[in-house]
Structure formats: C-alpha cells, structure tokens
Amino acid sequence: MFTEDDSGETDDEKENILYYISNEICFTSAKMVSIVFTKRSATVEADKTIHSQLRIIFFSDGSPYETLHAISKTMAPYFKSYVKEKSKIDRDGDKMAPSVEKKIAELEMGLLHLQQNIDIPEISLPIHPAVQQIIKQCSDEGRKPKVSDFGSKVEDSTFLNQLQNGVNRWIKEIQKVSVLNVVG
C-alpha cells in the first residue's frame, strides 16, 4: 500500500490523498510513502495471530536509493548483532556469516554509489564563443592564452557583460551540485 501526493500543496490546502493497494512493490514517485506487508510463510494461518505472521516495512518519500541505503544500514548492524550473539552460544559459529557480512557491505556501497551517480544533476558550463576561438587559436600555435590575445574586447562592455552573465550561469549550475544532500 502506498500514498502519493503530487499536488505541491501545503498540509492545510490538501483535501485528497490517494491510496493505492497493490500485490507488488512498485515505485511511482519520489513523493510516495509505502508500507510493505510480507508474510513469513506461504500462507496465513487462522490459528496464529496476524502480527506474528507478517513483517511490516515503511518506505519514506524521497530518493529510492536513499531509502534502500537506509534500510541496508539497519539490516547490517542487526545481522552482525545476531551473528555475535549466536557465536557466543555456538562455538563454531556460522561459517557463512563473514561472507554474508561482506556481501551486505558491498550492497551498502553499491547503493550509495548508485545514489550519488543518479542524484547528481547534469550541469552545463558553456564557454563564450570568442573565448573558445582564442583558446583554439592559441592551442594551434602551441601556447597558453593571455589577456592580451583578446585585444580590444577587454575594453568592450558588451563582451565583458556577456562573460559576467556566463560566469553567473556557471555559478548557478555548480550550486545545483554543491548543495546536494550528503547521505552518511
């Protein structure tokens, strides 16, 4: 079951919240909150309480990779704690536990990398055509460009304003990436 709010309204303005019930886990929007009910066994048994037969997991809204990473951050410590307690009782311990712990750590890293790769917006840093031309010309001549290569353009207020506007666009584009939330 999940709810979805795509209205963009504040809590006071909301009138309708949509509820969906599905027999499959599905992602439709970053504004979606889900509750997942899973059965412990193949069938629900009438002689047992329902809460003893179900597992309930909540998926909050936001990036799905952030949610998955948060879930893995709870499962790894739980698993390690279980293995530690079990090994106190059973001297041999479980021979597969270190391998599973390693796989959980790999999963955590993979989810973190996916989140970082997908959540980083594409930025565009266009270079003024006159600047590109001078850079190409100097490169063809095998030297580094200098301010003097721009000639009278360094005194041209229209050209300088265009450069300033371009730099301001660069700053906005870079800020899109530099203000991203970091998951730790």
Protein backbone atom coordinates (compact mmCIF):
# COMPACT_ATOMS: atom_id res chain seq x y z
CA MET A 1 0.00 0.00 0.00
CA PHE A 2 1.33 3.45 -0.74
CA THR A 3 0.19 7.07 -0.75
CA GLU A 4 1.21 9.67 -3.24
CA ASP A 5 0.98 13.46 -3.15
CA ASP A 6 1.80 15.26 -6.36
CA SER A 7 -0.23 18.39 -5.70
CA GLY A 8 2.56 20.52 -4.25
CA GLU A 9 0.03 21.99 -1.79
CA THR A 10 0.70 22.62 1.88
CA ASP A 11 -0.85 20.40 4.54
CA ASP A 12 -3.63 22.95 5.18
CA GLU A 13 -4.62 23.05 1.49
CA LYS A 14 -4.73 19.28 0.95
CA GLU A 15 -8.14 17.75 0.53
CA ASN A 16 -7.46 14.47 -1.24
CA ILE A 17 -4.76 11.93 -0.60
CA LEU A 18 -4.64 8.97 -2.94
CA TYR A 19 -4.20 5.46 -1.54
CA TYR A 20 -3.18 2.56 -3.74
CA ILE A 21 -3.13 -1.10 -2.79
CA SER A 22 -1.07 -3.47 -4.89
CA ASN A 23 0.23 -7.01 -4.56
CA GLU A 24 3.57 -5.86 -6.00
CA ILE A 25 6.15 -3.41 -4.75
CA CYS A 26 6.31 -0.50 -7.19
CA PHE A 27 7.93 2.91 -7.36
CA THR A 28 5.93 5.70 -8.97
CA SER A 29 7.24 8.94 -7.50
CA ALA A 30 9.74 10.38 -5.03
CA LYS A 31 6.71 11.87 -3.22
CA MET A 32 5.38 8.40 -2.42
CA VAL A 33 5.28 6.78 1.03
CA SER A 34 4.85 2.99 1.14
CA ILE A 35 4.04 0.31 3.67
CA VAL A 36 5.08 -3.19 2.66
CA PHE A 37 3.50 -6.21 4.32
CA THR A 38 5.30 -9.51 3.76
CA LYS A 39 4.24 -12.92 5.01
CA ARG A 40 6.68 -15.08 6.95
CA SER A 41 5.32 -18.25 5.36
CA ALA A 42 3.47 -19.14 2.17
CA THR A 43 0.02 -18.96 3.76
CA VAL A 44 -1.62 -17.02 6.55
CA GLU A 45 -2.67 -19.46 9.26
CA ALA A 46 -6.01 -18.89 11.01
CA ASP A 47 -4.86 -20.27 14.38
CA LYS A 48 -1.98 -17.74 14.70
CA THR A 49 -2.18 -14.01 15.28
CA ILE A 50 -1.78 -11.88 12.16
CA HIS A 51 1.07 -9.81 13.64
CA SER A 52 3.12 -12.95 14.27
CA GLN A 53 2.85 -13.88 10.57
CA LEU A 54 3.66 -10.53 8.92
CA ARG A 55 6.68 -8.30 8.52
CA ILE A 56 6.00 -4.59 8.02
CA ILE A 57 8.45 -2.21 6.36
CA PHE A 58 7.91 1.51 5.74
CA PHE A 59 9.46 3.27 2.76
CA SER A 60 9.53 7.03 3.21
CA ASP A 61 9.33 9.58 0.44
CA GLY A 62 12.46 10.84 -1.28
CA SER A 63 15.15 9.15 -3.30
CA PRO A 64 14.63 5.38 -3.57
CA TYR A 65 18.39 4.83 -3.31
CA GLU A 66 18.48 6.84 -0.09
CA THR A 67 15.66 4.66 1.30
CA LEU A 68 17.37 1.44 0.23
CA HIS A 69 20.67 2.62 1.68
CA ALA A 70 18.95 3.49 4.98
CA ILE A 71 17.35 0.03 5.11
CA SER A 72 20.70 -1.64 4.48
CA LYS A 73 22.20 0.50 7.28
CA THR A 74 19.71 -1.10 9.68
CA MET A 75 19.98 -4.65 8.36
CA ALA A 76 23.79 -4.85 8.60
CA PRO A 77 24.00 -3.98 12.32
CA TYR A 78 21.04 -6.27 13.07
CA PHE A 79 22.71 -9.15 11.23
CA LYS A 80 26.08 -8.54 12.92
CA SER A 81 24.41 -8.42 16.33
CA TYR A 82 22.60 -11.69 15.64
CA VAL A 83 25.78 -13.43 14.47
CA LYS A 84 27.69 -12.13 17.51
CA GLU A 85 25.05 -13.43 19.94
CA LYS A 86 24.75 -16.74 18.09
CA SER A 87 28.52 -17.26 18.14
CA LYS A 88 28.53 -16.88 21.94
CA ILE A 89 26.19 -19.87 22.16
CA ASP A 90 27.56 -21.90 19.26
CA ARG A 91 31.37 -22.07 19.49
CA ASP A 92 31.85 -22.91 15.82
CA GLY A 93 29.56 -20.10 14.71
CA ASP A 94 28.21 -19.88 11.21
CA LYS A 95 30.92 -20.34 8.60
CA MET A 96 28.90 -18.31 6.08
CA ALA A 97 28.45 -15.26 8.33
CA PRO A 98 31.65 -13.42 7.28
CA SER A 99 30.77 -13.94 3.63
CA VAL A 100 27.24 -12.61 4.16
CA GLU A 101 28.58 -9.62 6.13
CA LYS A 102 30.90 -8.84 3.22
CA LYS A 103 28.01 -9.05 0.74
CA ILE A 104 25.90 -6.71 2.90
CA ALA A 105 28.80 -4.22 2.99
CA GLU A 106 29.13 -4.48 -0.81
CA LEU A 107 25.37 -3.86 -1.15
CA GLU A 108 25.62 -0.76 1.05
CA MET A 109 28.47 0.63 -1.04
CA GLY A 110 26.70 -0.18 -4.30
CA LEU A 111 23.52 1.58 -3.17
CA LEU A 112 25.49 4.59 -2.00
CA HIS A 113 27.31 4.80 -5.35
CA LEU A 114 24.04 4.44 -7.27
CA GLN A 115 22.51 7.25 -5.26
CA GLN A 116 25.49 9.50 -5.86
CA ASN A 117 25.57 8.75 -9.60
CA ILE A 118 21.85 9.14 -10.19
CA ASP A 119 21.06 12.05 -7.88
CA ILE A 120 23.78 14.31 -9.27
CA PRO A 121 22.15 16.60 -11.83
CA GLU A 122 23.79 17.20 -15.18
CA ILE A 123 25.38 20.63 -15.36
CA SER A 124 26.17 22.72 -18.39
CA LEU A 125 29.08 25.17 -18.42
CA PRO A 126 29.02 26.83 -21.86
CA ILE A 127 32.09 28.83 -22.85
CA HIS A 128 31.67 32.12 -24.72
CA PRO A 129 32.39 31.57 -28.46
CA ALA A 130 35.03 34.33 -28.56
CA VAL A 131 36.87 32.71 -25.64
CA GLN A 132 36.67 29.30 -27.33
CA GLN A 133 38.06 30.77 -30.54
CA ILE A 134 41.03 32.39 -28.76
CA ILE A 135 41.76 29.19 -26.80
CA LYS A 136 41.69 27.14 -30.02
CA GLN A 137 43.90 29.62 -31.85
CA CYS A 138 46.47 29.67 -29.01
CA SER A 139 46.35 25.87 -28.77
CA ASP A 140 47.03 25.59 -32.50
CA GLU A 141 50.00 27.90 -32.01
CA GLY A 142 51.20 25.75 -29.09
CA ARG A 143 50.95 28.40 -26.41
CA LYS A 144 48.74 29.37 -23.49
CA PRO A 145 46.19 32.16 -23.99
CA LYS A 146 46.80 35.55 -22.39
CA VAL A 147 44.53 38.52 -21.71
CA SER A 148 46.34 40.42 -24.47
CA ASP A 149 45.05 37.83 -27.01
CA PHE A 150 41.57 39.33 -26.58
CA GLY A 151 42.75 42.69 -27.90
CA SER A 152 40.11 45.43 -27.75
CA LYS A 153 37.47 43.03 -26.36
CA VAL A 154 38.88 43.58 -22.85
CA GLU A 155 37.51 47.14 -23.06
CA ASP A 156 34.18 46.14 -24.71
CA SER A 157 31.47 46.42 -22.04
CA THR A 158 29.04 44.22 -24.04
CA PHE A 159 31.60 41.41 -24.23
CA LEU A 160 32.51 41.78 -20.54
CA ASN A 161 28.81 41.72 -19.55
CA GLN A 162 28.32 38.57 -21.63
CA LEU A 163 31.26 36.95 -19.83
CA GLN A 164 29.86 38.02 -16.44
CA ASN A 165 26.42 36.59 -17.31
CA GLY A 166 28.09 33.35 -18.40
CA VAL A 167 30.00 33.12 -15.12
CA ASN A 168 26.79 33.77 -13.17
CA ARG A 169 25.14 30.87 -15.04
CA TRP A 170 28.15 28.68 -14.19
CA ILE A 171 27.77 29.57 -10.51
CA LYS A 172 24.08 28.58 -10.55
CA GLU A 173 24.90 25.31 -12.34
CA ILE A 174 27.68 24.46 -9.89
CA GLN A 175 25.44 25.29 -6.93
CA LYS A 176 22.96 22.66 -8.17
CA VAL A 177 25.63 20.04 -7.47
CA SER A 178 27.37 21.57 -4.46
CA VAL A 179 24.22 21.86 -2.32
CA LEU A 180 23.14 18.23 -2.70
CA ASN A 181 22.30 16.35 0.49
CA VAL A 182 25.07 14.00 1.52
CA VAL A 183 23.97 10.66 2.94
CA GLY A 184 26.28 9.32 5.62
